[in-house]
Amino acid sequence: MDVPGHLSHLDQLEAEAIFIMREVAACYDNPCLFYSIGKDSTVMLHLARKAFWPGTVPFTLLHIDTTWEFAEMGRFRDRLVDRLGLKLAVWINEQALREGVHPIESGSVRYNDQMKTQALKQALDHYQFDAALGGARRDEEASRSKERIFSVRNQNHQWDPKRQRPEPWNLFNTSLGPGESVRVFPLSNWTEFDIWLYILREQIEVVPLYLARSRLSWIDEDSGQILALDDDRMLPYLSSWERDSLRERNIRFRTLGCYPQTGAVESDADTVSSVVQEMLASRTSEREGRLLDKDQTGSMEKKKREGYF
């Protein structure tokens, strides 16, 4: 219950995130906002617009394009950038594409390393970003909970949990040594439920993939996950059993990424308010649908140590 004269829970989270974004704008020469097109980075963009209104967002939006993301995500990104007049940088690991790196043929570990981790490091070096805002939250996954809001990376963009700086009372050490950069996570203290409550309150437009509708999908034989068939590229890789499971299902996604690696959930929640109601009964993490989190033991922490967001 909100108390008169006191900030609500969402207002406190919003104020903290806006404060952090203003710190980044004040302390670094060339910051970017990592825009994955998902709900968290879309909320972060909304917060950035609030933080610097009526001025423009002082961050370049950086999107790492793996070429295997849902087509609807790209359309949403382009429409949003055009409507808001934002500066967008899109980066693809072209060398990996030429080498034929593929989510199925190359295996999940190599594909995610080349098309996500290495691509991100290439982009940060190319544009010489000294700070990168990301939408990661501590409730998502165990290794995320170890990370500070201002997370320093070495000259190779690698993360060392033993070099995390203390942040008492939200006092941030923003200094960087030679060759260092920083990843900054304004949504660290938010939960998935907070994100959806904020989207509902602020009436933020999100990618329609988060809302339930009938979509052509199959059951992955190894994981049991429901995967959507976004285009025909995956058809040659489906087993006969998976082809037999291919049909229209009423599904939505709790997390978004490359469609061969992103599991859906069967759902009737076709509005943001019904998603919030569905979340009240949920007892699983949204990242249960992220197959890349399970491709090796300690997968996410290893990826972060190597330079992943």
C-alpha atoms as a PDB file:
ATOM      1  CA  MET A   1       0.000   0.000   0.000  1.00  0.00           C
ATOM      2  CA  ASP A   2       1.319   3.456  -0.929  1.00  0.00           C
ATOM      3  CA  VAL A   3       1.696   5.872   1.997  1.00  0.00           C
ATOM      4  CA  PRO A   4       1.042   9.590   1.316  1.00  0.00           C
ATOM      5  CA  GLY A   5       4.330  11.475   1.187  1.00  0.00           C
ATOM      6  CA  HIS A   6       6.359   8.303   0.586  1.00  0.00           C
ATOM      7  CA  LEU A   7       7.585   6.829  -2.669  1.00  0.00           C
ATOM      8  CA  SER A   8       5.948   3.589  -3.720  1.00  0.00           C
ATOM      9  CA  HIS A   9       8.074   0.502  -4.351  1.00  0.00           C
ATOM     10  CA  LEU A  10       8.065   1.141  -8.114  1.00  0.00           C
ATOM     11  CA  ASP A  11       8.812   4.836  -7.612  1.00  0.00           C
ATOM     12  CA  GLN A  12      11.860   3.942  -5.513  1.00  0.00           C
ATOM     13  CA  LEU A  13      13.147   1.547  -8.171  1.00  0.00           C
ATOM     14  CA  GLU A  14      12.524   4.137 -10.878  1.00  0.00           C
ATOM     15  CA  ALA A  15      14.326   6.877  -8.925  1.00  0.00           C
ATOM     16  CA  GLU A  16      17.330   4.613  -8.297  1.00  0.00           C
ATOM     17  CA  ALA A  17      17.595   3.645 -11.982  1.00  0.00           C
ATOM     18  CA  ILE A  18      17.327   7.268 -13.132  1.00  0.00           C
ATOM     19  CA  PHE A  19      20.015   8.314 -10.635  1.00  0.00           C
ATOM     20  CA  ILE A  20      22.335   5.583 -11.947  1.00  0.00           C
ATOM     21  CA  MET A  21      21.764   6.610 -15.572  1.00  0.00           C
ATOM     22  CA  ARG A  22      22.551  10.234 -14.777  1.00  0.00           C
ATOM     23  CA  GLU A  23      25.747   9.115 -13.030  1.00  0.00           C
ATOM     24  CA  VAL A  24      26.781   7.255 -16.187  1.00  0.00           C
ATOM     25  CA  ALA A  25      26.066  10.266 -18.405  1.00  0.00           C
ATOM     26  CA  ALA A  26      28.061  12.533 -16.075  1.00  0.00           C
ATOM     27  CA  CYS A  27      31.070  10.265 -15.503  1.00  0.00           C
ATOM     28  CA  TYR A  28      31.866   8.663 -18.865  1.00  0.00           C
ATOM     29  CA  ASP A  29      32.828  10.041 -22.257  1.00  0.00           C
ATOM     30  CA  ASN A  30      31.166   7.553 -24.602  1.00  0.00           C
ATOM     31  CA  PRO A  31      28.462   5.414 -22.951  1.00  0.00           C
ATOM     32  CA  CYS A  32      26.016   3.141 -24.753  1.00  0.00           C
ATOM     33  CA  LEU A  33      22.776   1.407 -23.825  1.00  0.00           C
ATOM     34  CA  PHE A  34      22.720  -2.282 -24.710  1.00  0.00           C
ATOM     35  CA  TYR A  35      19.377  -2.745 -26.470  1.00  0.00           C
ATOM     36  CA  SER A  36      18.413  -6.398 -26.869  1.00  0.00           C
ATOM     37  CA  ILE A  37      14.802  -5.432 -27.760  1.00  0.00           C
ATOM     38  CA  GLY A  38      13.524  -7.409 -24.762  1.00  0.00           C
ATOM     39  CA  LYS A  39      11.267  -6.122 -21.999  1.00  0.00           C
ATOM     40  CA  ASP A  40      14.135  -5.171 -19.660  1.00  0.00           C
ATOM     41  CA  SER A  41      16.054  -3.075 -22.179  1.00  0.00           C
ATOM     42  CA  THR A  42      12.775  -1.522 -23.351  1.00  0.00           C
ATOM     43  CA  VAL A  43      12.020  -0.500 -19.754  1.00  0.00           C
ATOM     44  CA  MET A  44      15.582   0.810 -19.475  1.00  0.00           C
ATOM     45  CA  LEU A  45      15.084   2.929 -22.600  1.00  0.00           C
ATOM     46  CA  HIS A  46      11.853   4.308 -21.128  1.00  0.00           C
ATOM     47  CA  LEU A  47      13.744   5.214 -17.938  1.00  0.00           C
ATOM     48  CA  ALA A  48      16.511   6.891 -19.958  1.00  0.00           C
ATOM     49  CA  ARG A  49      13.951   9.039 -21.759  1.00  0.00           C
ATOM     50  CA  LYS A  50      12.497  10.055 -18.387  1.00  0.00           C
ATOM     51  CA  ALA A  51      15.938  10.713 -16.900  1.00  0.00           C
ATOM     52  CA  PHE A  52      16.909  13.248 -19.561  1.00  0.00           C
ATOM     53  CA  TRP A  53      13.530  14.665 -20.588  1.00  0.00           C
ATOM     54  CA  PRO A  54      13.011  17.085 -22.325  1.00  0.00           C
ATOM     55  CA  GLY A  55      16.482  16.501 -23.752  1.00  0.00           C
ATOM     56  CA  THR A  56      17.460  13.548 -25.905  1.00  0.00           C
ATOM     57  CA  VAL A  57      18.764  10.207 -24.651  1.00  0.00           C
ATOM     58  CA  PRO A  58      22.567  10.709 -24.407  1.00  0.00           C
ATOM     59  CA  PHE A  59      23.382   7.057 -25.105  1.00  0.00           C
ATOM     60  CA  THR A  60      23.840   5.221 -28.388  1.00  0.00           C
ATOM     61  CA  LEU A  61      21.617   2.140 -28.490  1.00  0.00           C
ATOM     62  CA  LEU A  62      23.780  -0.905 -29.236  1.00  0.00           C
ATOM     63  CA  HIS A  63      22.139  -4.016 -30.641  1.00  0.00           C
ATOM     64  CA  ILE A  64      24.142  -7.213 -31.172  1.00  0.00           C
ATOM     65  CA  ASP A  65      22.415  -8.916 -34.096  1.00  0.00           C
ATOM     66  CA  THR A  66      22.952 -12.675 -34.283  1.00  0.00           C
ATOM     67  CA  THR A  67      20.796 -12.899 -37.467  1.00  0.00           C
ATOM     68  CA  TRP A  68      18.711 -15.623 -35.724  1.00  0.00           C
ATOM     69  CA  GLU A  69      16.495 -13.436 -33.567  1.00  0.00           C
ATOM     70  CA  PHE A  70      12.742 -13.342 -34.072  1.00  0.00           C
ATOM     71  CA  ALA A  71      11.893 -11.224 -37.129  1.00  0.00           C
ATOM     72  CA  GLU A  72       9.250  -9.419 -35.080  1.00  0.00           C
ATOM     73  CA  MET A  73      11.992  -8.117 -32.775  1.00  0.00           C
ATOM     74  CA  GLY A  74      13.806  -6.386 -35.627  1.00  0.00           C
ATOM     75  CA  ARG A  75      10.614  -4.761 -36.881  1.00  0.00           C
ATOM     76  CA  PHE A  76       9.803  -3.519 -33.373  1.00  0.00           C
ATOM     77  CA  ARG A  77      13.331  -2.100 -32.946  1.00  0.00           C
ATOM     78  CA  ASP A  78      13.308  -0.209 -36.242  1.00  0.00           C
ATOM     79  CA  ARG A  79       9.839   1.209 -35.655  1.00  0.00           C
ATOM     80  CA  LEU A  80      10.749   2.387 -32.134  1.00  0.00           C
ATOM     81  CA  VAL A  81      14.054   3.966 -33.186  1.00  0.00           C
ATOM     82  CA  ASP A  82      12.390   5.829 -36.066  1.00  0.00           C
ATOM     83  CA  ARG A  83       9.514   7.062 -33.909  1.00  0.00           C
ATOM     84  CA  LEU A  84      11.739   8.326 -31.085  1.00  0.00           C
ATOM     85  CA  GLY A  85      14.634   9.570 -33.222  1.00  0.00           C
ATOM     86  CA  LEU A  86      17.226   7.487 -31.374  1.00  0.00           C
ATOM     87  CA  LYS A  87      20.822   6.775 -32.351  1.00  0.00           C
ATOM     88  CA  LEU A  88      21.232   3.051 -33.057  1.00  0.00           C
ATOM     89  CA  ALA A  89      24.348   0.975 -33.745  1.00  0.00           C
ATOM     90  CA  VAL A  90      23.807  -2.606 -34.957  1.00  0.00           C
ATOM     91  CA  TRP A  91      26.743  -5.019 -34.878  1.00  0.00           C
ATOM     92  CA  ILE A  92      27.104  -8.465 -36.458  1.00  0.00           C
ATOM     93  CA  ASN A  93      30.176 -10.688 -36.182  1.00  0.00           C
ATOM     94  CA  GLU A  94      30.708 -10.821 -39.943  1.00  0.00           C
ATOM     95  CA  GLN A  95      33.803 -13.019 -39.671  1.00  0.00           C
ATOM     96  CA  ALA A  96      31.807 -15.677 -37.810  1.00  0.00           C
ATOM     97  CA  LEU A  97      29.079 -15.490 -40.460  1.00  0.00           C
ATOM     98  CA  ARG A  98      31.650 -16.041 -43.197  1.00  0.00           C
ATOM     99  CA  GLU A  99      32.959 -19.052 -41.263  1.00  0.00           C
ATOM    100  CA  GLY A 100      29.439 -20.493 -41.204  1.00  0.00           C
ATOM    101  CA  VAL A 101      28.835 -20.267 -37.453  1.00  0.00           C
ATOM    102  CA  HIS A 102      25.338 -21.648 -36.946  1.00  0.00           C
ATOM    103  CA  PRO A 103      23.138 -22.290 -33.857  1.00  0.00           C
ATOM    104  CA  ILE A 104      22.686 -25.975 -34.740  1.00  0.00           C
ATOM    105  CA  GLU A 105      25.638 -26.992 -36.919  1.00  0.00           C
ATOM    106  CA  SER A 106      28.251 -25.201 -34.790  1.00  0.00           C
ATOM    107  CA  GLY A 107      26.750 -26.153 -31.443  1.00  0.00           C
ATOM    108  CA  SER A 108      25.318 -23.816 -28.838  1.00  0.00           C
ATOM    109  CA  VAL A 109      28.598 -23.044 -27.039  1.00  0.00           C
ATOM    110  CA  ARG A 110      30.516 -21.908 -30.134  1.00  0.00           C
ATOM    111  CA  TYR A 111      27.530 -20.121 -31.638  1.00  0.00           C
ATOM    112  CA  ASN A 112      26.797 -18.070 -28.504  1.00  0.00           C
ATOM    113  CA  ASP A 113      30.462 -17.269 -27.976  1.00  0.00           C
ATOM    114  CA  GLN A 114      30.977 -16.024 -31.536  1.00  0.00           C
ATOM    115  CA  MET A 115      27.649 -14.357 -32.286  1.00  0.00           C
ATOM    116  CA  LYS A 116      27.055 -12.850 -28.837  1.00  0.00           C
ATOM    117  CA  THR A 117      30.161 -12.600 -26.638  1.00  0.00           C
ATOM    118  CA  GLN A 118      32.773 -11.952 -29.330  1.00  0.00           C
ATOM    119  CA  ALA A 119      30.370  -9.759 -31.307  1.00  0.00           C
ATOM    120  CA  LEU A 120      29.729  -7.627 -28.221  1.00  0.00           C
ATOM    121  CA  LYS A 121      33.451  -7.227 -27.528  1.00  0.00           C
ATOM    122  CA  GLN A 122      34.071  -6.292 -31.171  1.00  0.00           C
ATOM    123  CA  ALA A 123      31.346  -3.636 -31.036  1.00  0.00           C
ATOM    124  CA  LEU A 124      32.612  -2.131 -27.777  1.00  0.00           C
ATOM    125  CA  ASP A 125      36.119  -1.888 -29.238  1.00  0.00           C
ATOM    126  CA  HIS A 126      34.948  -0.560 -32.608  1.00  0.00           C
ATOM    127  CA  TYR A 127      32.848   2.257 -31.148  1.00  0.00           C
ATOM    128  CA  GLN A 128      35.208   2.772 -28.172  1.00  0.00           C
ATOM    129  CA  PHE A 129      32.409   2.729 -25.616  1.00  0.00           C
ATOM    130  CA  ASP A 130      33.780   3.190 -22.093  1.00  0.00           C
ATOM    131  CA  ALA A 131      30.501   2.342 -20.335  1.00  0.00           C
ATOM    132  CA  ALA A 132      27.634   0.074 -21.356  1.00  0.00           C
ATOM    133  CA  LEU A 133      24.239   0.093 -19.649  1.00  0.00           C
ATOM    134  CA  GLY A 134      22.593  -3.330 -19.489  1.00  0.00           C
ATOM    135  CA  GLY A 135      19.190  -4.576 -18.367  1.00  0.00           C
ATOM    136  CA  ALA A 136      20.370  -7.549 -16.281  1.00  0.00           C
ATOM    137  CA  ARG A 137      18.675  -8.125 -12.920  1.00  0.00           C
ATOM    138  CA  ARG A 138      19.953  -9.971  -9.863  1.00  0.00           C
ATOM    139  CA  ASP A 139      16.885 -12.209  -9.640  1.00  0.00           C
ATOM    140  CA  GLU A 140      17.462 -13.697 -13.106  1.00  0.00           C
ATOM    141  CA  GLU A 141      20.297 -16.123 -12.489  1.00  0.00           C
ATOM    142  CA  ALA A 142      22.819 -17.021  -9.767  1.00  0.00           C
ATOM    143  CA  SER A 143      25.883 -15.334 -11.295  1.00  0.00           C
ATOM    144  CA  ARG A 144      23.918 -12.097 -11.775  1.00  0.00           C
ATOM    145  CA  SER A 145      23.468 -11.847  -8.005  1.00  0.00           C
ATOM    146  CA  LYS A 146      27.252 -11.589  -7.567  1.00  0.00           C
ATOM    147  CA  GLU A 147      27.514  -8.539  -9.762  1.00  0.00           C
ATOM    148  CA  ARG A 148      27.655  -4.932  -8.617  1.00  0.00           C
ATOM    149  CA  ILE A 149      25.640  -2.181 -10.291  1.00  0.00           C
ATOM    150  CA  PHE A 150      28.878  -0.673 -11.658  1.00  0.00           C
ATOM    151  CA  SER A 151      30.780  -3.757 -12.843  1.00  0.00           C
ATOM    152  CA  VAL A 152      34.339  -3.083 -13.993  1.00  0.00           C
ATOM    153  CA  ARG A 153      35.757  -5.097 -16.901  1.00  0.00           C
ATOM    154  CA  ASN A 154      39.420  -5.427 -17.859  1.00  0.00           C
ATOM    155  CA  GLN A 155      41.006  -4.484 -21.190  1.00  0.00           C
ATOM    156  CA  ASN A 156      39.611  -7.708 -22.692  1.00  0.00           C
ATOM    157  CA  HIS A 157      36.094  -6.935 -21.387  1.00  0.00           C
ATOM    158  CA  GLN A 158      36.328  -9.837 -18.938  1.00  0.00           C
ATOM    159  CA  TRP A 159      34.583  -9.958 -15.571  1.00  0.00           C
ATOM    160  CA  ASP A 160      36.349 -10.997 -12.372  1.00  0.00           C
ATOM    161  CA  PRO A 161      33.930 -11.401  -9.434  1.00  0.00           C
ATOM    162  CA  LYS A 162      36.844 -10.984  -7.007  1.00  0.00           C
ATOM    163  CA  ARG A 163      37.450  -7.450  -8.296  1.00  0.00           C
ATOM    164  CA  GLN A 164      33.938  -6.200  -7.589  1.00  0.00           C
ATOM    165  CA  ARG A 165      33.892  -2.882  -5.760  1.00  0.00           C
ATOM    166  CA  PRO A 166      31.800  -2.210  -2.633  1.00  0.00           C
ATOM    167  CA  GLU A 167      28.743  -0.002  -3.181  1.00  0.00           C
ATOM    168  CA  PRO A 168      27.537   1.062   0.300  1.00  0.00           C
ATOM    169  CA  TRP A 169      24.463   3.321   0.305  1.00  0.00           C
ATOM    170  CA  ASN A 170      24.592   3.484  -3.511  1.00  0.00           C
ATOM    171  CA  LEU A 171      27.927   5.291  -3.460  1.00  0.00           C
ATOM    172  CA  PHE A 172      29.547   4.215  -6.717  1.00  0.00           C
ATOM    173  CA  ASN A 173      33.237   4.185  -7.593  1.00  0.00           C
ATOM    174  CA  THR A 174      33.104   5.245 -11.247  1.00  0.00           C
ATOM    175  CA  SER A 175      36.851   5.531 -11.846  1.00  0.00           C
ATOM    176  CA  LEU A 176      38.514   3.351 -14.476  1.00  0.00           C
ATOM    177  CA  GLY A 177      42.098   2.238 -14.900  1.00  0.00           C
ATOM    178  CA  PRO A 178      43.936   2.158 -18.253  1.00  0.00           C
ATOM    179  CA  GLY A 179      42.079  -0.051 -20.730  1.00  0.00           C
ATOM    180  CA  GLU A 180      39.197  -0.747 -18.359  1.00  0.00           C
ATOM    181  CA  SER A 181      35.510  -0.260 -19.115  1.00  0.00           C
ATOM    182  CA  VAL A 182      32.376  -0.680 -17.057  1.00  0.00           C
ATOM    183  CA  ARG A 183      29.028  -2.429 -17.435  1.00  0.00           C
ATOM    184  CA  VAL A 184      26.263  -0.693 -15.506  1.00  0.00           C
ATOM    185  CA  PHE A 185      23.006  -2.368 -14.449  1.00  0.00           C
ATOM    186  CA  PRO A 186      20.319   0.134 -13.344  1.00  0.00           C
ATOM    187  CA  LEU A 187      17.702  -2.641 -13.000  1.00  0.00           C
ATOM    188  CA  SER A 188      19.798  -4.771 -10.627  1.00  0.00           C
ATOM    189  CA  ASN A 189      17.286  -4.524  -7.776  1.00  0.00           C
ATOM    190  CA  TRP A 190      14.180  -5.083  -9.914  1.00  0.00           C
ATOM    191  CA  THR A 191      12.413  -8.427 -10.291  1.00  0.00           C
ATOM    192  CA  GLU A 192      10.592  -9.808 -13.312  1.00  0.00           C
ATOM    193  CA  PHE A 193       7.316  -8.973 -11.569  1.00  0.00           C
ATOM    194  CA  ASP A 194       8.491  -5.378 -10.958  1.00  0.00           C
ATOM    195  CA  ILE A 195       9.275  -5.062 -14.660  1.00  0.00           C
ATOM    196  CA  TRP A 196       5.778  -6.131 -15.675  1.00  0.00           C
ATOM    197  CA  LEU A 197       4.101  -3.930 -13.048  1.00  0.00           C
ATOM    198  CA  TYR A 198       6.109  -0.971 -14.343  1.00  0.00           C
ATOM    199  CA  ILE A 199       5.247  -1.770 -17.972  1.00  0.00           C
ATOM    200  CA  LEU A 200       1.582  -1.856 -16.957  1.00  0.00           C
ATOM    201  CA  ARG A 201       1.766   1.382 -14.964  1.00  0.00           C
ATOM    202  CA  GLU A 202       3.730   3.316 -17.580  1.00  0.00           C
ATOM    203  CA  GLN A 203       1.871   1.756 -20.546  1.00  0.00           C
ATOM    204  CA  ILE A 204       5.155   0.832 -22.239  1.00  0.00           C
ATOM    205  CA  GLU A 205       4.881  -0.880 -25.610  1.00  0.00           C
ATOM    206  CA  VAL A 206       6.723  -4.210 -25.733  1.00  0.00           C
ATOM    207  CA  VAL A 207       7.403  -6.727 -28.491  1.00  0.00           C
ATOM    208  CA  PRO A 208       4.135  -8.630 -29.146  1.00  0.00           C
ATOM    209  CA  LEU A 209       6.014 -11.919 -28.668  1.00  0.00           C
ATOM    210  CA  TYR A 210       5.554 -11.405 -24.918  1.00  0.00           C
ATOM    211  CA  LEU A 211       1.790 -11.707 -25.368  1.00  0.00           C
ATOM    212  CA  ALA A 212      -0.037 -14.940 -26.104  1.00  0.00           C
ATOM    213  CA  ARG A 213      -1.371 -15.766 -29.537  1.00  0.00           C
ATOM    214  CA  SER A 214      -1.460 -18.755 -31.845  1.00  0.00           C
ATOM    215  CA  ARG A 215       2.035 -19.484 -33.190  1.00  0.00           C
ATOM    216  CA  LEU A 216       3.473 -22.372 -35.185  1.00  0.00           C
ATOM    217  CA  SER A 217       5.725 -24.297 -32.812  1.00  0.00           C
ATOM    218  CA  TRP A 218       7.310 -27.653 -32.066  1.00  0.00           C
ATOM    219  CA  ILE A 219       8.545 -29.560 -29.007  1.00  0.00           C
ATOM    220  CA  ASP A 220      12.335 -29.801 -28.738  1.00  0.00           C
ATOM    221  CA  GLU A 221      13.137 -33.499 -28.326  1.00  0.00           C
ATOM    222  CA  ASP A 222      16.109 -32.951 -26.000  1.00  0.00           C
ATOM    223  CA  SER A 223      14.828 -30.265 -23.635  1.00  0.00           C
ATOM    224  CA  GLY A 224      11.055 -30.646 -23.880  1.00  0.00           C
ATOM    225  CA  GLN A 225      10.780 -26.901 -24.517  1.00  0.00           C
ATOM    226  CA  ILE A 226       8.204 -25.415 -26.877  1.00  0.00           C
ATOM    227  CA  LEU A 227      10.052 -23.597 -29.680  1.00  0.00           C
ATOM    228  CA  ALA A 228       8.437 -21.353 -32.282  1.00  0.00           C
ATOM    229  CA  LEU A 229       9.158 -21.796 -35.978  1.00  0.00           C
ATOM    230  CA  ASP A 230       9.942 -18.218 -36.967  1.00  0.00           C
ATOM    231  CA  ASP A 231      11.113 -19.081 -40.493  1.00  0.00           C
ATOM    232  CA  ASP A 232      11.994 -22.095 -42.638  1.00  0.00           C
ATOM    233  CA  ARG A 233      15.710 -22.210 -41.760  1.00  0.00           C
ATOM    234  CA  MET A 234      15.104 -24.618 -38.868  1.00  0.00           C
ATOM    235  CA  LEU A 235      12.978 -27.142 -40.765  1.00  0.00           C
ATOM    236  CA  PRO A 236      15.911 -29.285 -42.050  1.00  0.00           C
ATOM    237  CA  TYR A 237      17.157 -29.698 -38.463  1.00  0.00           C
ATOM    238  CA  LEU A 238      13.934 -31.017 -36.947  1.00  0.00           C
ATOM    239  CA  SER A 239      13.788 -34.726 -36.207  1.00  0.00           C
ATOM    240  CA  SER A 240      10.816 -36.731 -37.469  1.00  0.00           C
ATOM    241  CA  TRP A 241       9.410 -36.676 -33.914  1.00  0.00           C
ATOM    242  CA  GLU A 242       9.801 -32.889 -33.745  1.00  0.00           C
ATOM    243  CA  ARG A 243       8.149 -32.488 -37.163  1.00  0.00           C
ATOM    244  CA  ASP A 244       5.216 -34.537 -35.912  1.00  0.00           C
ATOM    245  CA  SER A 245       4.902 -32.163 -32.941  1.00  0.00           C
ATOM    246  CA  LEU A 246       4.771 -29.098 -35.216  1.00  0.00           C
ATOM    247  CA  ARG A 247       1.416 -27.330 -34.875  1.00  0.00           C
ATOM    248  CA  GLU A 248      -0.259 -24.082 -33.854  1.00  0.00           C
ATOM    249  CA  ARG A 249      -0.200 -23.449 -30.097  1.00  0.00           C
ATOM    250  CA  ASN A 250      -1.340 -20.513 -27.996  1.00  0.00           C
ATOM    251  CA  ILE A 251       2.025 -19.423 -26.606  1.00  0.00           C
ATOM    252  CA  ARG A 252       3.995 -16.441 -25.407  1.00  0.00           C
ATOM    253  CA  PHE A 253       7.609 -15.808 -24.402  1.00  0.00           C
ATOM    254  CA  ARG A 254       8.886 -14.704 -20.997  1.00  0.00           C
ATOM    255  CA  THR A 255      12.350 -13.983 -22.394  1.00  0.00           C
ATOM    256  CA  LEU A 256      13.524 -13.273 -25.940  1.00  0.00           C
ATOM    257  CA  GLY A 257      16.618 -14.097 -27.964  1.00  0.00           C
ATOM    258  CA  CYS A 258      17.539 -16.353 -30.872  1.00  0.00           C
ATOM    259  CA  TYR A 259      14.442 -18.313 -31.759  1.00  0.00           C
ATOM    260  CA  PRO A 260      16.088 -21.801 -31.921  1.00  0.00           C
ATOM    261  CA  GLN A 261      17.245 -21.258 -28.308  1.00  0.00           C
ATOM    262  CA  THR A 262      14.215 -19.558 -26.753  1.00  0.00           C
ATOM    263  CA  GLY A 263      11.475 -21.622 -25.169  1.00  0.00           C
ATOM    264  CA  ALA A 264       7.858 -20.477 -25.026  1.00  0.00           C
ATOM    265  CA  VAL A 265       5.110 -21.151 -22.500  1.00  0.00           C
ATOM    266  CA  GLU A 266       1.528 -22.091 -23.296  1.00  0.00           C
ATOM    267  CA  SER A 267      -0.609 -19.197 -22.144  1.00  0.00           C
ATOM    268  CA  ASP A 268      -3.810 -17.222 -22.638  1.00  0.00           C
ATOM    269  CA  ALA A 269      -2.245 -13.962 -21.360  1.00  0.00           C
ATOM    270  CA  ASP A 270      -2.718 -11.716 -24.385  1.00  0.00           C
ATOM    271  CA  THR A 271      -2.552  -8.352 -22.575  1.00  0.00           C
ATOM    272  CA  VAL A 272      -0.027  -6.831 -20.177  1.00  0.00           C
ATOM    273  CA  SER A 273      -2.556  -6.913 -17.329  1.00  0.00           C
ATOM    274  CA  SER A 274      -3.203 -10.626 -17.897  1.00  0.00           C
ATOM    275  CA  VAL A 275       0.566 -11.263 -17.964  1.00  0.00           C
ATOM    276  CA  VAL A 276       0.779  -9.593 -14.533  1.00  0.00           C
ATOM    277  CA  GLN A 277      -1.993 -11.871 -13.265  1.00  0.00           C
ATOM    278  CA  GLU A 278      -0.206 -14.909 -14.697  1.00  0.00           C
ATOM    279  CA  MET A 279       3.043 -13.830 -13.026  1.00  0.00           C
ATOM    280  CA  LEU A 280       1.371 -13.909  -9.609  1.00  0.00           C
ATOM    281  CA  ALA A 281       1.026 -17.680  -9.945  1.00  0.00           C
ATOM    282  CA  SER A 282       4.442 -18.321 -11.524  1.00  0.00           C
ATOM    283  CA  ARG A 283       7.031 -20.278  -9.534  1.00  0.00           C
ATOM    284  CA  THR A 284       9.752 -20.575 -12.190  1.00  0.00           C
ATOM    285  CA  SER A 285      12.402 -18.202 -13.516  1.00  0.00           C
ATOM    286  CA  GLU A 286      11.870 -16.563 -16.882  1.00  0.00           C
ATOM    287  CA  ARG A 287      15.300 -17.898 -17.888  1.00  0.00           C
ATOM    288  CA  GLU A 288      13.969 -21.459 -17.790  1.00  0.00           C
ATOM    289  CA  GLY A 289      13.244 -20.765 -21.450  1.00  0.00           C
ATOM    290  CA  ARG A 290      16.831 -19.766 -22.272  1.00  0.00           C
ATOM    291  CA  LEU A 291      18.566 -22.865 -23.634  1.00  0.00           C
ATOM    292  CA  LEU A 292      21.903 -21.012 -23.790  1.00  0.00           C
ATOM    293  CA  ASP A 293      21.969 -20.881 -19.965  1.00  0.00           C
ATOM    294  CA  LYS A 294      22.193 -24.680 -19.882  1.00  0.00           C
ATOM    295  CA  ASP A 295      24.721 -25.441 -22.626  1.00  0.00           C
ATOM    296  CA  GLN A 296      27.531 -26.073 -20.117  1.00  0.00           C
ATOM    297  CA  THR A 297      28.019 -26.279 -16.344  1.00  0.00           C
ATOM    298  CA  GLY A 298      28.127 -22.798 -14.800  1.00  0.00           C
ATOM    299  CA  SER A 299      27.245 -21.530 -18.247  1.00  0.00           C
ATOM    300  CA  MET A 300      26.249 -17.936 -17.513  1.00  0.00           C
ATOM    301  CA  GLU A 301      29.160 -17.228 -15.171  1.00  0.00           C
ATOM    302  CA  LYS A 302      31.633 -18.604 -17.727  1.00  0.00           C
ATOM    303  CA  LYS A 303      30.111 -16.418 -20.430  1.00  0.00           C
ATOM    304  CA  LYS A 304      30.325 -13.335 -18.204  1.00  0.00           C
ATOM    305  CA  ARG A 305      33.966 -14.033 -17.325  1.00  0.00           C
ATOM    306  CA  GLU A 306      34.694 -14.180 -21.067  1.00  0.00           C
ATOM    307  CA  GLY A 307      32.993 -10.847 -21.753  1.00  0.00           C
ATOM    308  CA  TYR A 308      29.280 -11.582 -22.136  1.00  0.00           C
ATOM    309  CA  PHE A 309      26.854  -9.081 -20.640  1.00  0.00           C
END
